[in-house]
Amino acid sequence: MSTGFDDLLAANRSYAEHFAMQGFDGVAHRGVAIVTCMDSRIDPLGLLGLSPGDAKIFRNPGGRVTASALEALVLGVHLLNVDRVLVIPHTKCAMTKNTEQELRATIGQAAGVDASWMGFHVIADQVAALHEDVRAVRSHPLVPASVDVGGFLYDVDTGLLDQVL
């Protein structure tokens, strides 16, 4: 087995010594679902004053509402106590820095393999994308109108969240 994970496994053993969530039911206790970017500068629970168990979190490059994100939200709404959805992209997102073609070329060169077939879903206009994503959640036939859906922009330099819609 690879030893490249030894430090993480040691940290996990330490974590497990004080693990307090055994028996947890897995629902979102504060009724919150968050769709956000995979960027490591984002602490989805911390930025909203939430704790483990309070929210369902779906992360992907750019924090987009993809088909997989919609699937997770529908499950969250109907099975996991979700009644509020926050879509939260962020400032300085790498997915806004290149065109699809530029990103394919960069990845292809780094991998040494043609990447022209891969979709990276770059974001040309972050605010327009946020409007589109919120609209996708609000209009989904399996997401009831009673679910509050908001679009926000997280500032990675200040930690502040700005409600866009």
N, C-alpha and C. Protein backbone atom coordinates (compact mmCIF):
# COMPACT_ATOMS: atom_id res chain seq x y z
N MET A 1 0.82 -1.20 0.00
CA MET A 1 0.00 0.00 0.00
C MET A 1 0.86 1.25 0.00
N SER A 2 0.31 2.31 -0.54
CA SER A 2 1.03 3.58 -0.61
C SER A 2 1.21 4.16 0.79
N THR A 3 2.39 4.72 1.04
CA THR A 3 2.65 5.37 2.33
C THR A 3 2.41 6.88 2.24
N GLY A 4 1.97 7.35 1.08
CA GLY A 4 1.72 8.77 0.88
C GLY A 4 0.57 9.31 1.71
N PHE A 5 -0.12 8.44 2.40
CA PHE A 5 -1.27 8.85 3.21
C PHE A 5 -1.03 8.70 4.70
N ASP A 6 0.17 8.34 5.09
CA ASP A 6 0.46 8.05 6.50
C ASP A 6 0.12 9.21 7.43
N ASP A 7 0.47 10.43 7.03
CA ASP A 7 0.19 11.58 7.89
C ASP A 7 -1.31 11.79 8.06
N LEU A 8 -2.08 11.54 7.01
CA LEU A 8 -3.52 11.72 7.08
C LEU A 8 -4.19 10.61 7.90
N LEU A 9 -3.68 9.39 7.76
CA LEU A 9 -4.22 8.30 8.56
C LEU A 9 -3.91 8.49 10.04
N ALA A 10 -2.74 9.01 10.36
CA ALA A 10 -2.40 9.30 11.76
C ALA A 10 -3.33 10.38 12.31
N ALA A 11 -3.58 11.41 11.51
CA ALA A 11 -4.50 12.47 11.93
C ALA A 11 -5.91 11.91 12.12
N ASN A 12 -6.29 10.97 11.28
CA ASN A 12 -7.62 10.36 11.41
C ASN A 12 -7.73 9.57 12.71
N ARG A 13 -6.70 8.84 13.06
CA ARG A 13 -6.73 8.08 14.32
C ARG A 13 -6.90 9.02 15.51
N SER A 14 -6.23 10.15 15.47
CA SER A 14 -6.37 11.15 16.53
C SER A 14 -7.79 11.71 16.55
N TYR A 15 -8.32 12.00 15.38
CA TYR A 15 -9.69 12.50 15.25
C TYR A 15 -10.69 11.49 15.83
N ALA A 16 -10.50 10.23 15.50
CA ALA A 16 -11.43 9.18 15.92
C ALA A 16 -11.43 8.99 17.44
N GLU A 17 -10.31 9.31 18.10
CA GLU A 17 -10.23 9.18 19.56
C GLU A 17 -11.24 10.09 20.26
N HIS A 18 -11.60 11.19 19.61
CA HIS A 18 -12.52 12.15 20.21
C HIS A 18 -13.79 12.31 19.38
N PHE A 19 -14.09 11.31 18.56
CA PHE A 19 -15.22 11.37 17.65
C PHE A 19 -16.53 11.39 18.43
N ALA A 20 -17.35 12.40 18.16
CA ALA A 20 -18.58 12.58 18.93
C ALA A 20 -19.85 12.47 18.10
N MET A 21 -19.73 12.03 16.85
CA MET A 21 -20.92 12.01 15.99
C MET A 21 -21.47 10.60 15.74
N GLN A 22 -21.02 9.63 16.53
CA GLN A 22 -21.55 8.29 16.35
C GLN A 22 -23.05 8.30 16.60
N GLY A 23 -23.78 7.58 15.77
CA GLY A 23 -25.23 7.52 15.91
C GLY A 23 -25.95 8.70 15.27
N PHE A 24 -25.23 9.61 14.67
CA PHE A 24 -25.83 10.78 14.03
C PHE A 24 -26.77 10.32 12.92
N ASP A 25 -27.91 10.98 12.80
CA ASP A 25 -28.94 10.55 11.86
C ASP A 25 -28.69 10.98 10.41
N GLY A 26 -27.77 11.89 10.14
CA GLY A 26 -27.42 12.25 8.78
C GLY A 26 -28.29 13.30 8.12
N VAL A 27 -29.28 13.84 8.82
CA VAL A 27 -30.09 14.90 8.22
C VAL A 27 -29.44 16.25 8.47
N ALA A 28 -29.89 17.24 7.72
CA ALA A 28 -29.36 18.60 7.89
C ALA A 28 -30.14 19.27 9.02
N HIS A 29 -29.57 19.31 10.20
CA HIS A 29 -30.28 19.79 11.39
C HIS A 29 -30.69 21.25 11.33
N ARG A 30 -30.01 22.05 10.54
CA ARG A 30 -30.42 23.45 10.37
C ARG A 30 -31.17 23.65 9.06
N GLY A 31 -31.44 22.55 8.34
CA GLY A 31 -32.22 22.62 7.11
C GLY A 31 -31.51 23.27 5.95
N VAL A 32 -30.19 23.28 5.98
CA VAL A 32 -29.39 24.01 4.99
C VAL A 32 -28.69 23.06 4.02
N ALA A 33 -28.69 23.43 2.74
CA ALA A 33 -27.85 22.78 1.74
C ALA A 33 -27.01 23.88 1.08
N ILE A 34 -25.76 23.57 0.83
CA ILE A 34 -24.83 24.52 0.24
C ILE A 34 -24.22 23.90 -1.01
N VAL A 35 -24.27 24.65 -2.12
CA VAL A 35 -23.53 24.28 -3.32
C VAL A 35 -22.42 25.31 -3.46
N THR A 36 -21.18 24.85 -3.40
CA THR A 36 -20.05 25.78 -3.48
C THR A 36 -18.88 25.14 -4.20
N CYS A 37 -17.85 25.90 -4.36
CA CYS A 37 -16.65 25.46 -5.08
C CYS A 37 -15.80 24.55 -4.20
N MET A 38 -14.95 23.78 -4.85
CA MET A 38 -14.02 22.89 -4.16
C MET A 38 -12.80 23.63 -3.62
N ASP A 39 -12.72 24.93 -3.86
CA ASP A 39 -11.57 25.74 -3.45
C ASP A 39 -11.30 25.57 -1.95
N SER A 40 -10.05 25.32 -1.62
CA SER A 40 -9.68 25.06 -0.22
C SER A 40 -9.72 26.30 0.67
N ARG A 41 -9.94 27.48 0.09
CA ARG A 41 -10.08 28.69 0.90
C ARG A 41 -11.48 28.83 1.49
N ILE A 42 -12.38 27.93 1.11
CA ILE A 42 -13.77 28.02 1.54
C ILE A 42 -14.04 27.00 2.64
N ASP A 43 -14.52 27.47 3.77
CA ASP A 43 -14.99 26.63 4.87
C ASP A 43 -16.50 26.79 4.90
N PRO A 44 -17.25 25.95 4.18
CA PRO A 44 -18.69 26.16 4.03
C PRO A 44 -19.46 26.24 5.35
N LEU A 45 -19.11 25.43 6.31
CA LEU A 45 -19.80 25.48 7.59
C LEU A 45 -19.39 26.71 8.38
N GLY A 46 -18.10 26.95 8.48
CA GLY A 46 -17.60 28.06 9.27
C GLY A 46 -18.08 29.41 8.79
N LEU A 47 -18.14 29.62 7.48
CA LEU A 47 -18.51 30.95 6.98
C LEU A 47 -19.97 31.29 7.27
N LEU A 48 -20.77 30.28 7.62
CA LEU A 48 -22.18 30.51 7.95
C LEU A 48 -22.47 30.27 9.43
N GLY A 49 -21.43 30.04 10.22
CA GLY A 49 -21.63 29.79 11.64
C GLY A 49 -22.30 28.46 11.92
N LEU A 50 -22.09 27.49 11.04
CA LEU A 50 -22.70 26.18 11.19
C LEU A 50 -21.69 25.17 11.72
N SER A 51 -22.19 24.04 12.15
CA SER A 51 -21.35 22.96 12.67
C SER A 51 -21.64 21.68 11.90
N PRO A 52 -20.76 20.67 12.01
CA PRO A 52 -21.05 19.39 11.37
C PRO A 52 -22.43 18.90 11.79
N GLY A 53 -23.19 18.45 10.80
CA GLY A 53 -24.55 17.97 11.05
C GLY A 53 -25.61 19.00 10.74
N ASP A 54 -25.21 20.27 10.57
CA ASP A 54 -26.19 21.32 10.31
C ASP A 54 -26.61 21.41 8.85
N ALA A 55 -25.73 20.99 7.92
CA ALA A 55 -25.98 21.25 6.51
C ALA A 55 -25.47 20.11 5.63
N LYS A 56 -26.04 20.04 4.45
CA LYS A 56 -25.55 19.17 3.38
C LYS A 56 -24.70 20.05 2.47
N ILE A 57 -23.56 19.55 2.05
CA ILE A 57 -22.63 20.36 1.26
C ILE A 57 -22.29 19.61 -0.02
N PHE A 58 -22.42 20.32 -1.15
CA PHE A 58 -22.04 19.76 -2.44
C PHE A 58 -21.00 20.69 -3.04
N ARG A 59 -19.84 20.14 -3.38
CA ARG A 59 -18.75 20.96 -3.90
C ARG A 59 -18.30 20.46 -5.26
N ASN A 60 -17.98 21.41 -6.13
CA ASN A 60 -17.43 21.09 -7.45
C ASN A 60 -16.66 22.31 -7.95
N PRO A 61 -15.88 22.17 -9.02
CA PRO A 61 -15.16 23.34 -9.53
C PRO A 61 -16.13 24.45 -9.94
N GLY A 62 -15.97 25.60 -9.37
CA GLY A 62 -16.82 26.75 -9.69
C GLY A 62 -18.09 26.85 -8.87
N GLY A 63 -18.42 25.83 -8.11
CA GLY A 63 -19.64 25.87 -7.30
C GLY A 63 -20.91 25.92 -8.14
N ARG A 64 -20.90 25.23 -9.27
CA ARG A 64 -22.03 25.26 -10.21
C ARG A 64 -23.12 24.26 -9.84
N VAL A 65 -24.35 24.60 -10.18
CA VAL A 65 -25.47 23.69 -10.00
C VAL A 65 -25.53 22.79 -11.23
N THR A 66 -24.84 21.68 -11.14
CA THR A 66 -24.79 20.68 -12.20
C THR A 66 -25.92 19.67 -12.00
N ALA A 67 -26.02 18.72 -12.91
CA ALA A 67 -27.01 17.65 -12.76
C ALA A 67 -26.78 16.89 -11.45
N SER A 68 -25.53 16.66 -11.11
CA SER A 68 -25.22 15.96 -9.85
C SER A 68 -25.61 16.80 -8.64
N ALA A 69 -25.39 18.09 -8.73
CA ALA A 69 -25.78 18.97 -7.62
C ALA A 69 -27.30 18.98 -7.46
N LEU A 70 -28.02 19.02 -8.57
CA LEU A 70 -29.49 18.98 -8.50
C LEU A 70 -29.97 17.67 -7.90
N GLU A 71 -29.33 16.58 -8.26
CA GLU A 71 -29.67 15.29 -7.68
C GLU A 71 -29.49 15.33 -6.15
N ALA A 72 -28.37 15.87 -5.71
CA ALA A 72 -28.12 15.97 -4.27
C ALA A 72 -29.14 16.87 -3.59
N LEU A 73 -29.50 17.98 -4.23
CA LEU A 73 -30.48 18.89 -3.63
C LEU A 73 -31.86 18.26 -3.53
N VAL A 74 -32.28 17.54 -4.56
CA VAL A 74 -33.58 16.87 -4.52
C VAL A 74 -33.60 15.85 -3.38
N LEU A 75 -32.55 15.07 -3.25
CA LEU A 75 -32.47 14.11 -2.14
C LEU A 75 -32.48 14.84 -0.80
N GLY A 76 -31.72 15.94 -0.72
CA GLY A 76 -31.67 16.71 0.52
C GLY A 76 -33.03 17.26 0.92
N VAL A 77 -33.76 17.77 -0.05
CA VAL A 77 -35.08 18.37 0.22
C VAL A 77 -36.08 17.30 0.68
N HIS A 78 -36.07 16.16 0.02
CA HIS A 78 -37.10 15.16 0.29
C HIS A 78 -36.73 14.14 1.36
N LEU A 79 -35.44 13.96 1.62
CA LEU A 79 -35.04 12.92 2.57
C LEU A 79 -34.20 13.42 3.75
N LEU A 80 -33.64 14.62 3.64
CA LEU A 80 -32.62 15.00 4.61
C LEU A 80 -32.87 16.35 5.28
N ASN A 81 -34.12 16.80 5.30
CA ASN A 81 -34.52 17.97 6.08
C ASN A 81 -34.11 19.31 5.49
N VAL A 82 -33.73 19.37 4.23
CA VAL A 82 -33.28 20.63 3.63
C VAL A 82 -34.48 21.49 3.23
N ASP A 83 -34.48 22.73 3.70
CA ASP A 83 -35.51 23.69 3.29
C ASP A 83 -34.92 25.04 2.90
N ARG A 84 -33.56 25.13 2.90
CA ARG A 84 -32.85 26.33 2.45
C ARG A 84 -31.65 25.91 1.64
N VAL A 85 -31.49 26.52 0.46
CA VAL A 85 -30.37 26.19 -0.42
C VAL A 85 -29.59 27.46 -0.69
N LEU A 86 -28.29 27.41 -0.46
CA LEU A 86 -27.39 28.51 -0.77
C LEU A 86 -26.46 28.07 -1.89
N VAL A 87 -26.44 28.83 -2.99
CA VAL A 87 -25.49 28.60 -4.07
C VAL A 87 -24.41 29.66 -3.89
N ILE A 88 -23.16 29.20 -3.67
CA ILE A 88 -22.10 30.12 -3.27
C ILE A 88 -20.83 29.94 -4.11
N PRO A 89 -20.72 30.64 -5.25
CA PRO A 89 -19.42 30.72 -5.91
C PRO A 89 -18.55 31.73 -5.14
N HIS A 90 -17.33 31.97 -5.60
CA HIS A 90 -16.43 32.84 -4.84
C HIS A 90 -15.57 33.71 -5.75
N THR A 91 -15.03 34.75 -5.18
CA THR A 91 -14.12 35.62 -5.90
C THR A 91 -12.82 34.87 -6.20
N LYS A 92 -12.11 35.34 -7.22
CA LYS A 92 -10.81 34.78 -7.60
C LYS A 92 -10.87 33.28 -7.92
N CYS A 93 -11.99 32.84 -8.50
CA CYS A 93 -12.17 31.43 -8.83
C CYS A 93 -11.37 31.08 -10.08
N ALA A 94 -10.62 30.00 -10.02
CA ALA A 94 -9.82 29.56 -11.16
C ALA A 94 -10.68 29.22 -12.37
N MET A 95 -11.93 28.87 -12.16
CA MET A 95 -12.81 28.51 -13.27
C MET A 95 -13.25 29.73 -14.08
N THR A 96 -12.91 30.93 -13.61
CA THR A 96 -13.24 32.15 -14.34
C THR A 96 -12.05 32.72 -15.08
N LYS A 97 -10.89 32.10 -14.97
CA LYS A 97 -9.63 32.67 -15.47
C LYS A 97 -9.27 32.27 -16.90
N ASN A 98 -9.86 31.20 -17.43
CA ASN A 98 -9.50 30.68 -18.75
C ASN A 98 -10.74 30.34 -19.56
N THR A 99 -10.55 30.24 -20.86
CA THR A 99 -11.61 29.70 -21.71
C THR A 99 -11.54 28.18 -21.61
N GLU A 100 -12.57 27.53 -22.08
CA GLU A 100 -12.59 26.06 -22.11
C GLU A 100 -11.40 25.54 -22.93
N GLN A 101 -11.15 26.17 -24.07
CA GLN A 101 -10.05 25.72 -24.93
C GLN A 101 -8.69 25.91 -24.25
N GLU A 102 -8.50 27.03 -23.57
CA GLU A 102 -7.24 27.28 -22.87
C GLU A 102 -7.03 26.26 -21.76
N LEU A 103 -8.06 25.96 -21.03
CA LEU A 103 -7.94 25.00 -19.94
C LEU A 103 -7.66 23.60 -20.47
N ARG A 104 -8.33 23.23 -21.55
CA ARG A 104 -8.06 21.92 -22.16
C ARG A 104 -6.61 21.82 -22.62
N ALA A 105 -6.09 22.90 -23.21
CA ALA A 105 -4.70 22.90 -23.68
C ALA A 105 -3.73 22.81 -22.50
N THR A 106 -3.98 23.56 -21.45
CA THR A 106 -3.12 23.55 -20.26
C THR A 106 -3.11 22.17 -19.61
N ILE A 107 -4.29 21.59 -19.42
CA ILE A 107 -4.39 20.27 -18.78
C ILE A 107 -3.76 19.21 -19.68
N GLY A 108 -4.05 19.29 -20.97
CA GLY A 108 -3.47 18.33 -21.91
C GLY A 108 -1.96 18.35 -21.90
N GLN A 109 -1.40 19.56 -21.87
CA GLN A 109 0.06 19.69 -21.83
C GLN A 109 0.62 19.14 -20.52
N ALA A 110 -0.01 19.46 -19.42
CA ALA A 110 0.47 18.99 -18.11
C ALA A 110 0.35 17.47 -17.99
N ALA A 111 -0.72 16.90 -18.56
CA ALA A 111 -0.94 15.46 -18.46
C ALA A 111 -0.18 14.68 -19.53
N GLY A 112 0.22 15.37 -20.59
CA GLY A 112 0.87 14.68 -21.69
C GLY A 112 -0.10 13.84 -22.50
N VAL A 113 -1.40 14.18 -22.39
CA VAL A 113 -2.45 13.44 -23.08
C VAL A 113 -3.44 14.46 -23.62
N ASP A 114 -4.02 14.19 -24.77
CA ASP A 114 -5.02 15.09 -25.35
C ASP A 114 -6.21 15.24 -24.40
N ALA A 115 -6.54 16.47 -24.05
CA ALA A 115 -7.67 16.73 -23.15
C ALA A 115 -8.80 17.47 -23.85
N SER A 116 -8.77 17.49 -25.19
CA SER A 116 -9.77 18.25 -25.93
C SER A 116 -11.18 17.70 -25.76
N TRP A 117 -11.31 16.49 -25.31
CA TRP A 117 -12.61 15.84 -25.11
C TRP A 117 -13.22 16.13 -23.73
N MET A 118 -12.42 16.65 -22.82
CA MET A 118 -12.86 16.84 -21.43
C MET A 118 -13.57 18.18 -21.28
N GLY A 119 -14.71 18.16 -20.59
CA GLY A 119 -15.42 19.40 -20.29
C GLY A 119 -15.05 19.91 -18.91
N PHE A 120 -14.68 21.17 -18.81
CA PHE A 120 -14.30 21.75 -17.53
C PHE A 120 -15.28 22.80 -17.03
N HIS A 121 -16.23 23.16 -17.86
CA HIS A 121 -17.32 24.06 -17.46
C HIS A 121 -16.81 25.38 -16.88
N VAL A 122 -15.97 26.04 -17.66
CA VAL A 122 -15.46 27.33 -17.22
C VAL A 122 -16.61 28.34 -17.12
N ILE A 123 -16.35 29.42 -16.42
CA ILE A 123 -17.39 30.43 -16.14
C ILE A 123 -16.95 31.75 -16.74
N ALA A 124 -17.63 32.18 -17.80
CA ALA A 124 -17.29 33.44 -18.46
C ALA A 124 -17.84 34.63 -17.67
N ASP A 125 -19.03 34.50 -17.10
CA ASP A 125 -19.68 35.58 -16.36
C ASP A 125 -20.25 34.98 -15.07
N GLN A 126 -19.57 35.22 -13.97
CA GLN A 126 -19.92 34.58 -12.71
C GLN A 126 -21.32 34.97 -12.22
N VAL A 127 -21.69 36.21 -12.36
CA VAL A 127 -23.01 36.65 -11.89
C VAL A 127 -24.11 36.03 -12.77
N ALA A 128 -23.90 36.01 -14.07
CA ALA A 128 -24.88 35.38 -14.97
C ALA A 128 -25.00 33.89 -14.65
N ALA A 129 -23.88 33.22 -14.38
CA ALA A 129 -23.89 31.80 -14.03
C ALA A 129 -24.64 31.59 -12.72
N LEU A 130 -24.46 32.48 -11.77
CA LEU A 130 -25.15 32.37 -10.49
C LEU A 130 -26.67 32.50 -10.69
N HIS A 131 -27.08 33.45 -11.51
CA HIS A 131 -28.52 33.59 -11.82
C HIS A 131 -29.05 32.31 -12.46
N GLU A 132 -28.31 31.77 -13.40
CA GLU A 132 -28.71 30.53 -14.09
C GLU A 132 -28.83 29.38 -13.09
N ASP A 133 -27.86 29.27 -12.18
CA ASP A 133 -27.86 28.17 -11.22
C ASP A 133 -29.01 28.27 -10.23
N VAL A 134 -29.27 29.47 -9.73
CA VAL A 134 -30.39 29.65 -8.79
C VAL A 134 -31.71 29.35 -9.51
N ARG A 135 -31.83 29.83 -10.74
CA ARG A 135 -33.03 29.55 -11.54
C ARG A 135 -33.21 28.04 -11.72
N ALA A 136 -32.13 27.31 -11.95
CA ALA A 136 -32.21 25.86 -12.14
C ALA A 136 -32.75 25.16 -10.90
N VAL A 137 -32.35 25.62 -9.72
CA VAL A 137 -32.86 25.02 -8.49
C VAL A 137 -34.32 25.42 -8.27
N ARG A 138 -34.61 26.70 -8.39
CA ARG A 138 -35.97 27.18 -8.15
C ARG A 138 -36.99 26.58 -9.11
N SER A 139 -36.58 26.29 -10.32
CA SER A 139 -37.53 25.79 -11.32
C SER A 139 -37.56 24.27 -11.42
N HIS A 140 -36.73 23.59 -10.66
CA HIS A 140 -36.70 22.13 -10.75
C HIS A 140 -38.03 21.56 -10.26
N PRO A 141 -38.64 20.66 -11.02
CA PRO A 141 -39.96 20.14 -10.65
C PRO A 141 -39.99 19.36 -9.33
N LEU A 142 -38.84 18.92 -8.86
CA LEU A 142 -38.80 18.16 -7.61
C LEU A 142 -38.31 18.98 -6.42
N VAL A 143 -38.16 20.28 -6.63
CA VAL A 143 -37.81 21.19 -5.54
C VAL A 143 -39.02 22.10 -5.31
N PRO A 144 -39.74 21.90 -4.21
CA PRO A 144 -40.95 22.68 -3.97
C PRO A 144 -40.67 24.17 -3.79
N ALA A 145 -41.64 24.99 -4.12
CA ALA A 145 -41.52 26.45 -4.00
C ALA A 145 -41.30 26.87 -2.55
N SER A 146 -41.62 26.00 -1.60
CA SER A 146 -41.44 26.33 -0.18
C SER A 146 -39.97 26.34 0.24
N VAL A 147 -39.09 25.83 -0.61
CA VAL A 147 -37.65 25.81 -0.32
C VAL A 147 -37.07 27.18 -0.69
N ASP A 148 -36.44 27.83 0.28
CA ASP A 148 -35.77 29.10 0.03
C ASP A 148 -34.46 28.83 -0.71
N VAL A 149 -34.26 29.53 -1.84
CA VAL A 149 -33.04 29.36 -2.63
C VAL A 149 -32.42 30.73 -2.83
N GLY A 150 -31.16 30.87 -2.47
CA GLY A 150 -30.47 32.14 -2.63
C GLY A 150 -29.14 31.98 -3.32
N GLY A 151 -28.72 33.04 -4.01
CA GLY A 151 -27.43 33.07 -4.66
C GLY A 151 -26.53 34.08 -3.97
N PHE A 152 -25.32 33.67 -3.65
CA PHE A 152 -24.40 34.48 -2.86
C PHE A 152 -23.02 34.44 -3.51
N LEU A 153 -22.20 35.44 -3.23
CA LEU A 153 -20.81 35.44 -3.68
C LEU A 153 -19.94 35.58 -2.44
N TYR A 154 -19.02 34.64 -2.27
CA TYR A 154 -18.11 34.62 -1.14
C TYR A 154 -16.80 35.30 -1.54
N ASP A 155 -16.36 36.24 -0.73
CA ASP A 155 -15.11 36.95 -0.98
C ASP A 155 -13.98 36.25 -0.23
N VAL A 156 -13.05 35.65 -0.97
CA VAL A 156 -11.97 34.88 -0.35
C VAL A 156 -10.96 35.74 0.38
N ASP A 157 -10.98 37.06 0.14
CA ASP A 157 -10.05 37.96 0.82
C ASP A 157 -10.61 38.51 2.12
N THR A 158 -11.93 38.65 2.22
CA THR A 158 -12.53 39.24 3.43
C THR A 158 -13.32 38.23 4.27
N GLY A 159 -13.72 37.12 3.65
CA GLY A 159 -14.56 36.15 4.34
C GLY A 159 -16.03 36.51 4.33
N LEU A 160 -16.37 37.61 3.68
CA LEU A 160 -17.76 38.08 3.67
C LEU A 160 -18.56 37.41 2.55
N LEU A 161 -19.83 37.23 2.83
CA LEU A 161 -20.78 36.65 1.90
C LEU A 161 -21.74 37.75 1.48
N ASP A 162 -21.89 37.93 0.16
CA ASP A 162 -22.78 38.96 -0.37
C ASP A 162 -23.95 38.27 -1.07
N GLN A 163 -25.18 38.58 -0.64
CA GLN A 163 -26.35 37.99 -1.29
C GLN A 163 -26.60 38.72 -2.61
N VAL A 164 -26.50 37.98 -3.71
CA VAL A 164 -26.71 38.53 -5.04
C VAL A 164 -28.18 38.40 -5.43
N LEU A 165 -28.81 37.28 -5.09
CA LEU A 165 -30.23 37.07 -5.34
C LEU A 165 -30.80 36.05 -4.38
